[in-house]
Amino acid sequence: MTIRHKKGILLFFALVLVLAVATACTQEAAPEAEEPAAETPEAEAPAEEEPQELETIIFGDAGWDSLRLHNAIAGFILDHGYGYDYDVIPGSTPNILEGVIKGDVTVLMEMWQDNVPIYPEYREAGTILELGTNFDDNAQGLYVPRYVIEGDPERGIEASAPDLKHVEDLKNYPDLFPDPEDPGMGLIVNGPPSWAVTTIMEVKGAHYGLDEMYNISGSGTAAALAASLSAAYERGEPWVGYYWEPTWITGKYDLVLLEEAPYDDDLWNEEAGYACEFKPSDITIIINPEFAGKNPAVTEFLTNYETSSALTAVGLAYMQDNDAEIDEAAEWFIQEYEDLWKDWVTSEAHEKVMAALK
């Protein structure tokens, strides 16, 4: 074999080897291309809810100090404990009651329901919502200073009407209580014309026949009524007129409530002349039903709110003795009776109210 022939064979085998290697390489699976990982979109932060604006609470002021004191106490606690603004709107009891029904007034802190004969109809119809009892140890009617009946040796006052016990006994004493503006007539001092009870007292006077010998004259305001009694008492003079408890007057002065027949539902109407004593009743707190449903924290607080005639009189006496404004007396009451009202509120509200007092 020639050298040339050997070279050809070697070239042939080399070519075969190259082809085999190339074929083997092409048969290996090509690596799959990795798909880029899908980007996970970032979760959007939830939008912050704007704080709900609280409604302003409107308290009804029918014109007497115990109601004003409770308005101020409740208002301070709702303001500083729960964040509610509050305001007070004056008016007669019937007008304020109508305001609660319409929603113009939010709360009446003292509903003297027996003084408003139509009140049960509103309650049963659901146009107002009755919450808790503010106090139930109350009284009202015709009062005289005790020295009129029993005298007061320390003040040198002799009894001028020792047999005066019942309202009808006043028929025997018109000269003892003269009307300075109408000689020959006695004077029974009544409440302000805007009070529902003032009309009841006029009807009572007519039923007992007192209107024939007495002028049953209304005071312009609660302050005028208090001033009339206070001035007479300080001078040791006879006085007869409408008053009620709790007040600073009944807390400071020794008064006697004249007797009437025991309370009777059948007698407690205009046709019968309201010919019996006032029914000792629960002085309740009422609220506009729609507001109550939207503001459960307020409703719960006012449902828990409960004082007494005696405690209220203490607060009013503080105001009188210290020449304090209603708001000052309310803050004093809240400070003085923390153990009472802290059970009306949440622990958080309690802390906020106490912080506001400092």
Protein backbone atom coordinates (compact mmCIF):
# COMPACT_ATOMS: atom_id res chain seq x y z
CA MET A 1 0.00 0.00 0.00
CA THR A 2 1.31 3.32 -0.94
CA ILE A 3 1.80 6.18 1.45
CA ARG A 4 -0.73 8.17 -0.50
CA HIS A 5 -3.34 5.48 -0.02
CA LYS A 6 -2.69 5.36 3.75
CA LYS A 7 -3.20 9.11 4.03
CA GLY A 8 -6.56 8.80 2.30
CA ILE A 9 -7.74 6.18 4.71
CA LEU A 10 -6.68 8.29 7.67
CA LEU A 11 -8.52 11.31 6.31
CA PHE A 12 -11.66 9.21 5.80
CA PHE A 13 -11.66 7.99 9.44
CA ALA A 14 -11.00 11.51 10.72
CA LEU A 15 -13.96 12.82 8.79
CA VAL A 16 -16.21 10.06 10.13
CA LEU A 17 -15.12 10.87 13.70
CA VAL A 18 -15.88 14.59 13.27
CA LEU A 19 -19.37 13.82 11.92
CA ALA A 20 -20.12 11.46 14.80
CA VAL A 21 -19.15 14.05 17.40
CA ALA A 22 -21.20 16.71 15.66
CA THR A 23 -24.26 14.44 15.49
CA ALA A 24 -24.00 13.59 19.19
CA CYS A 25 -23.85 17.27 20.10
CA THR A 26 -26.94 18.13 18.09
CA GLN A 27 -28.95 15.35 19.82
CA GLU A 28 -28.48 16.85 23.36
CA ALA A 29 -31.64 18.61 24.47
CA ALA A 30 -31.24 22.31 24.38
CA PRO A 31 -31.94 23.90 27.75
CA GLU A 32 -35.39 25.46 27.94
CA ALA A 33 -35.28 29.17 28.18
CA GLU A 34 -36.48 30.31 31.59
CA GLU A 35 -39.42 32.67 31.46
CA PRO A 36 -38.85 35.80 33.47
CA ALA A 37 -40.69 35.65 36.81
CA ALA A 38 -43.88 37.62 36.74
CA GLU A 39 -43.63 40.69 38.92
CA THR A 40 -46.08 40.58 41.84
CA PRO A 41 -47.87 43.89 42.02
CA GLU A 42 -47.51 45.59 45.39
CA ALA A 43 -50.74 45.55 47.42
CA GLU A 44 -52.24 49.00 47.69
CA ALA A 45 -52.57 50.33 51.23
CA PRO A 46 -56.21 50.63 52.27
CA ALA A 47 -57.47 54.17 52.17
CA GLU A 48 -57.75 55.70 55.61
CA GLU A 49 -61.34 56.36 56.64
CA GLU A 50 -62.03 59.92 57.58
CA PRO A 51 -63.26 60.23 61.15
CA GLN A 52 -67.02 60.62 61.29
CA GLU A 53 -68.08 64.08 62.38
CA LEU A 54 -70.15 63.87 65.55
CA GLU A 55 -73.48 65.61 65.71
CA THR A 56 -73.90 68.54 68.06
CA ILE A 57 -76.12 67.67 71.01
CA ILE A 58 -78.87 70.21 71.73
CA PHE A 59 -80.15 70.23 75.31
CA GLY A 60 -83.56 71.72 76.07
CA ASP A 61 -83.73 74.40 78.77
CA ALA A 62 -87.29 74.83 80.07
CA GLY A 63 -86.25 77.47 82.57
CA TRP A 64 -85.40 75.96 85.97
CA ASP A 65 -82.03 75.58 87.66
CA SER A 66 -82.01 71.83 88.37
CA LEU A 67 -82.54 71.16 84.65
CA ARG A 68 -79.79 73.62 83.75
CA LEU A 69 -77.44 71.93 86.20
CA HIS A 70 -78.07 68.50 84.69
CA ASN A 71 -77.64 69.93 81.19
CA ALA A 72 -74.25 71.26 82.23
CA ILE A 73 -73.15 68.03 83.95
CA ALA A 74 -74.16 65.82 81.01
CA GLY A 75 -72.78 68.32 78.51
CA PHE A 76 -69.36 68.44 80.19
CA ILE A 77 -69.09 64.65 80.27
CA LEU A 78 -70.23 64.21 76.65
CA ASP A 79 -67.90 66.98 75.49
CA HIS A 80 -64.72 65.91 77.27
CA GLY A 81 -65.42 62.20 77.56
CA TYR A 82 -66.87 61.44 74.15
CA GLY A 83 -65.96 64.41 71.93
CA TYR A 84 -69.46 65.81 71.32
CA ASP A 85 -70.07 69.52 71.05
CA TYR A 86 -73.24 70.65 72.75
CA ASP A 87 -75.54 73.63 72.92
CA VAL A 88 -78.60 74.63 74.91
CA ILE A 89 -81.88 75.98 73.53
CA PRO A 90 -84.47 77.66 75.79
CA GLY A 91 -88.23 77.24 75.53
CA SER A 92 -91.38 76.14 77.30
CA THR A 93 -91.77 72.48 78.21
CA PRO A 94 -94.36 71.82 75.44
CA ASN A 95 -92.18 73.56 72.85
CA ILE A 96 -89.07 71.64 73.90
CA LEU A 97 -91.03 68.38 73.83
CA GLU A 98 -92.16 69.21 70.31
CA GLY A 99 -88.53 70.01 69.48
CA VAL A 100 -87.41 66.57 70.65
CA ILE A 101 -90.05 64.98 68.43
CA LYS A 102 -88.91 66.96 65.37
CA GLY A 103 -85.19 66.60 66.12
CA ASP A 104 -84.59 70.33 66.75
CA VAL A 105 -83.82 69.41 70.37
CA THR A 106 -81.78 66.31 71.13
CA VAL A 107 -82.25 65.73 74.85
CA LEU A 108 -84.45 66.87 77.73
CA MET A 109 -82.72 65.95 81.00
CA GLU A 110 -85.82 66.42 83.21
CA MET A 111 -89.15 65.27 81.80
CA TRP A 112 -91.75 66.06 84.46
CA GLN A 113 -94.25 63.90 82.63
CA ASP A 114 -97.20 64.40 84.99
CA ASN A 115 -97.09 68.13 84.19
CA VAL A 116 -97.70 67.43 80.49
CA PRO A 117 -100.87 65.33 80.19
CA ILE A 118 -100.30 64.54 76.51
CA TYR A 119 -96.80 63.15 77.16
CA PRO A 120 -97.83 59.45 77.42
CA GLU A 121 -99.28 59.66 73.91
CA TYR A 122 -95.93 60.80 72.51
CA ARG A 123 -94.10 58.05 74.38
CA GLU A 124 -96.47 55.31 73.24
CA ALA A 125 -96.32 56.56 69.64
CA GLY A 126 -92.52 56.28 69.69
CA THR A 127 -92.00 59.89 68.67
CA ILE A 128 -89.74 60.33 71.70
CA LEU A 129 -87.51 57.78 73.42
CA GLU A 130 -87.52 57.62 77.21
CA LEU A 131 -84.17 56.62 78.68
CA GLY A 132 -83.17 56.47 82.33
CA THR A 133 -84.68 58.04 85.44
CA ASN A 134 -82.76 61.10 86.50
CA PHE A 135 -84.37 61.13 89.97
CA ASP A 136 -87.63 60.03 91.58
CA ASP A 137 -87.60 61.58 95.07
CA ASN A 138 -89.43 64.76 94.09
CA ALA A 139 -92.41 66.83 95.20
CA GLN A 140 -94.30 69.92 94.03
CA GLY A 141 -97.33 71.96 94.93
CA LEU A 142 -98.23 74.91 97.19
CA TYR A 143 -95.68 75.69 99.91
CA VAL A 144 -95.57 78.05 102.88
CA PRO A 145 -92.68 78.79 105.26
CA ARG A 146 -92.91 76.59 108.35
CA TYR A 147 -92.90 79.64 110.62
CA VAL A 148 -96.32 80.58 109.15
CA ILE A 149 -97.80 77.46 110.77
CA GLU A 150 -95.50 76.84 113.74
CA GLY A 151 -93.77 80.14 114.36
CA ASP A 152 -90.02 80.56 114.89
CA PRO A 153 -89.08 81.57 118.46
CA GLU A 154 -85.45 82.14 117.54
CA ARG A 155 -86.50 84.76 115.01
CA GLY A 156 -89.29 86.11 117.19
CA ILE A 157 -91.97 84.99 114.74
CA GLU A 158 -95.33 83.82 116.03
CA ALA A 159 -97.47 81.32 114.17
CA SER A 160 -99.96 83.22 112.00
CA ALA A 161 -101.88 80.26 110.55
CA PRO A 162 -101.63 77.35 113.02
CA ASP A 163 -104.56 75.52 111.43
CA LEU A 164 -103.21 75.71 107.89
CA LYS A 165 -102.62 72.15 106.71
CA HIS A 166 -104.60 71.53 103.52
CA VAL A 167 -104.74 73.62 100.34
CA GLU A 168 -108.43 74.26 100.96
CA ASP A 169 -107.58 75.80 104.33
CA LEU A 170 -106.20 78.78 102.43
CA LYS A 171 -109.81 79.99 102.11
CA ASN A 172 -109.51 81.06 105.74
CA TYR A 173 -106.39 83.18 105.25
CA PRO A 174 -106.61 85.48 102.21
CA ASP A 175 -105.81 88.48 104.43
CA LEU A 176 -102.61 86.80 105.59
CA PHE A 177 -101.25 86.69 102.06
CA PRO A 178 -102.38 90.04 100.58
CA ASP A 179 -101.80 91.01 96.96
CA PRO A 180 -100.01 94.40 97.18
CA GLU A 181 -101.30 95.32 93.74
CA ASP A 182 -104.93 94.35 94.38
CA PRO A 183 -106.25 95.31 97.85
CA GLY A 184 -108.89 92.97 99.14
CA MET A 185 -107.46 89.95 97.31
CA GLY A 186 -104.93 87.43 98.49
CA LEU A 187 -101.93 86.38 96.38
CA ILE A 188 -100.81 82.87 95.47
CA VAL A 189 -97.54 83.10 93.61
CA ASN A 190 -97.51 80.80 90.59
CA GLY A 191 -94.82 79.67 88.17
CA PRO A 192 -93.83 81.40 84.93
CA PRO A 193 -96.51 81.48 82.20
CA SER A 194 -94.41 79.28 79.92
CA TRP A 195 -94.46 76.33 82.35
CA ALA A 196 -97.09 73.67 81.80
CA VAL A 197 -97.52 73.30 85.57
CA THR A 198 -98.60 76.93 85.83
CA THR A 199 -101.82 76.09 84.01
CA ILE A 200 -102.36 73.06 86.24
CA MET A 201 -102.05 75.26 89.33
CA GLU A 202 -104.61 77.70 87.91
CA VAL A 203 -107.05 74.82 87.34
CA LYS A 204 -106.40 73.54 90.85
CA GLY A 205 -107.07 77.00 92.32
CA ALA A 206 -110.38 77.24 90.50
CA HIS A 207 -111.40 73.76 91.64
CA TYR A 208 -110.72 74.60 95.30
CA GLY A 209 -112.50 77.96 94.94
CA LEU A 210 -109.36 79.89 95.77
CA ASP A 211 -109.63 82.04 92.65
CA GLU A 212 -112.57 83.86 94.29
CA MET A 213 -110.33 85.31 97.01
CA TYR A 214 -106.81 85.00 95.63
CA ASN A 215 -105.08 86.19 92.50
CA ILE A 216 -103.11 83.19 91.27
CA SER A 217 -100.41 85.21 89.60
CA GLY A 218 -97.54 83.81 87.57
CA SER A 219 -93.95 84.92 88.02
CA GLY A 220 -92.16 86.14 84.94
CA THR A 221 -89.27 83.73 85.41
CA ALA A 222 -88.02 80.99 87.70
CA ALA A 223 -85.58 83.52 89.16
CA ALA A 224 -88.43 85.90 89.96
CA LEU A 225 -90.34 83.09 91.68
CA ALA A 226 -87.30 82.22 93.79
CA ALA A 227 -86.66 85.88 94.62
CA SER A 228 -90.25 86.34 95.76
CA LEU A 229 -90.05 83.43 98.21
CA SER A 230 -86.53 84.21 99.37
CA ALA A 231 -87.29 87.87 100.08
CA ALA A 232 -90.38 87.00 102.10
CA TYR A 233 -88.56 84.29 104.06
CA GLU A 234 -85.61 86.51 104.95
CA ARG A 235 -88.05 89.15 106.27
CA GLY A 236 -90.07 86.53 108.14
CA GLU A 237 -93.24 87.40 106.21
CA PRO A 238 -96.07 85.07 105.14
CA TRP A 239 -95.81 83.67 101.63
CA VAL A 240 -97.72 81.01 99.70
CA GLY A 241 -97.03 79.79 96.21
CA TYR A 242 -96.00 77.05 93.87
CA TYR A 243 -92.63 75.42 94.30
CA TRP A 244 -91.00 72.08 93.70
CA GLU A 245 -88.12 69.91 94.76
CA PRO A 246 -85.20 69.76 94.13
CA THR A 247 -84.16 73.41 94.27
CA TRP A 248 -81.71 75.46 96.26
CA ILE A 249 -84.75 77.16 97.83
CA THR A 250 -86.13 73.94 99.30
CA GLY A 251 -82.65 72.98 100.38
CA LYS A 252 -81.96 76.25 102.17
CA TYR A 253 -85.33 77.18 103.65
CA ASP A 254 -87.69 75.25 105.93
CA LEU A 255 -90.91 74.97 103.94
CA VAL A 256 -94.13 72.99 104.32
CA LEU A 257 -95.96 71.45 101.37
CA LEU A 258 -99.70 71.91 101.89
CA GLU A 259 -101.71 68.71 101.78
CA GLU A 260 -104.12 67.57 99.09
CA ALA A 261 -106.05 64.35 98.54
CA PRO A 262 -103.80 61.38 97.70
CA TYR A 263 -103.00 61.06 94.04
CA ASP A 264 -105.77 59.48 91.98
CA ASP A 265 -105.64 58.84 88.23
CA ASP A 266 -109.35 59.64 87.98
CA LEU A 267 -108.80 63.07 89.51
CA TRP A 268 -105.70 63.98 87.58
CA ASN A 269 -107.27 65.73 84.59
CA GLU A 270 -108.54 69.20 83.79
CA GLU A 271 -112.19 68.22 83.95
CA ALA A 272 -111.73 66.93 87.52
CA GLY A 273 -109.67 70.00 88.41
CA TYR A 274 -106.44 68.08 89.12
CA ALA A 275 -108.06 67.68 92.56
CA CYS A 276 -105.30 65.71 94.25
CA GLU A 277 -101.62 65.88 95.06
CA PHE A 278 -99.03 65.65 92.33
CA LYS A 279 -98.02 62.10 91.65
CA PRO A 280 -94.46 61.46 92.85
CA SER A 281 -93.04 60.40 89.56
CA ASP A 282 -89.89 59.37 87.83
CA ILE A 283 -88.24 62.45 86.36
CA THR A 284 -86.93 60.87 83.21
CA ILE A 285 -84.49 61.71 80.44
CA ILE A 286 -85.89 61.74 76.91
CA ILE A 287 -84.09 61.83 73.57
CA ASN A 288 -84.88 62.10 69.90
CA PRO A 289 -85.22 58.47 68.66
CA GLU A 290 -83.31 59.01 65.40
CA PHE A 291 -80.36 60.59 67.19
CA ALA A 292 -80.39 57.80 69.77
CA GLY A 293 -80.13 55.15 67.06
CA LYS A 294 -77.18 56.87 65.39
CA ASN A 295 -75.31 57.62 68.62
CA PRO A 296 -75.38 54.54 70.86
CA ALA A 297 -72.61 55.80 73.15
CA VAL A 298 -74.70 58.86 74.05
CA THR A 299 -77.79 56.72 74.52
CA GLU A 300 -75.97 54.34 76.85
CA PHE A 301 -74.53 57.17 78.92
CA LEU A 302 -77.89 58.90 79.34
CA THR A 303 -79.58 55.59 80.15
CA ASN A 304 -77.08 55.13 82.99
CA TYR A 305 -77.41 58.74 84.21
CA GLU A 306 -79.14 58.72 87.59
CA THR A 307 -78.99 61.16 90.49
CA SER A 308 -81.47 62.13 93.22
CA SER A 309 -83.44 65.15 94.31
CA ALA A 310 -81.22 65.45 97.38
CA LEU A 311 -77.97 65.38 95.39
CA THR A 312 -79.33 67.87 92.89
CA ALA A 313 -80.27 70.22 95.73
CA VAL A 314 -76.70 69.97 97.04
CA GLY A 315 -75.36 71.06 93.67
CA LEU A 316 -77.81 73.95 93.50
CA ALA A 317 -76.99 75.01 97.05
CA TYR A 318 -73.28 75.08 96.13
CA MET A 319 -74.11 77.37 93.24
CA GLN A 320 -76.16 79.69 95.45
CA ASP A 321 -73.76 79.79 98.41
CA ASN A 322 -70.68 80.36 96.24
CA ASP A 323 -72.29 82.69 93.72
CA ALA A 324 -71.18 80.18 91.07
CA GLU A 325 -72.33 79.88 87.49
CA ILE A 326 -74.11 76.74 86.32
CA ASP A 327 -70.99 75.47 84.53
CA GLU A 328 -68.88 75.97 87.64
CA ALA A 329 -71.41 74.11 89.78
CA ALA A 330 -71.46 71.27 87.24
CA GLU A 331 -67.67 70.90 87.35
CA TRP A 332 -67.77 70.96 91.14
CA PHE A 333 -70.45 68.25 91.11
CA ILE A 334 -68.44 66.07 88.72
CA GLN A 335 -65.34 66.47 90.86
CA GLU A 336 -67.20 65.87 94.12
CA TYR A 337 -69.25 62.86 92.98
CA GLU A 338 -66.79 60.98 90.80
CA ASP A 339 -67.79 57.66 92.41
CA LEU A 340 -71.34 58.24 91.21
CA TRP A 341 -70.88 59.19 87.57
CA LYS A 342 -67.89 57.01 86.71
CA ASP A 343 -70.29 54.07 86.50
CA TRP A 344 -72.28 55.92 83.82
CA VAL A 345 -69.39 56.06 81.36
CA THR A 346 -66.66 53.96 79.76
CA SER A 347 -63.26 53.80 81.46
CA GLU A 348 -61.76 55.79 78.59
CA ALA A 349 -64.38 58.52 78.94
CA HIS A 350 -63.83 58.60 82.70
CA GLU A 351 -60.12 59.22 82.26
CA LYS A 352 -60.72 61.99 79.72
CA VAL A 353 -63.24 63.76 81.91
CA MET A 354 -60.96 63.66 84.94
CA ALA A 355 -58.08 64.96 82.84
CA ALA A 356 -60.27 67.87 81.69
CA LEU A 357 -60.99 68.83 85.30
CA LYS A 358 -57.33 69.27 86.16
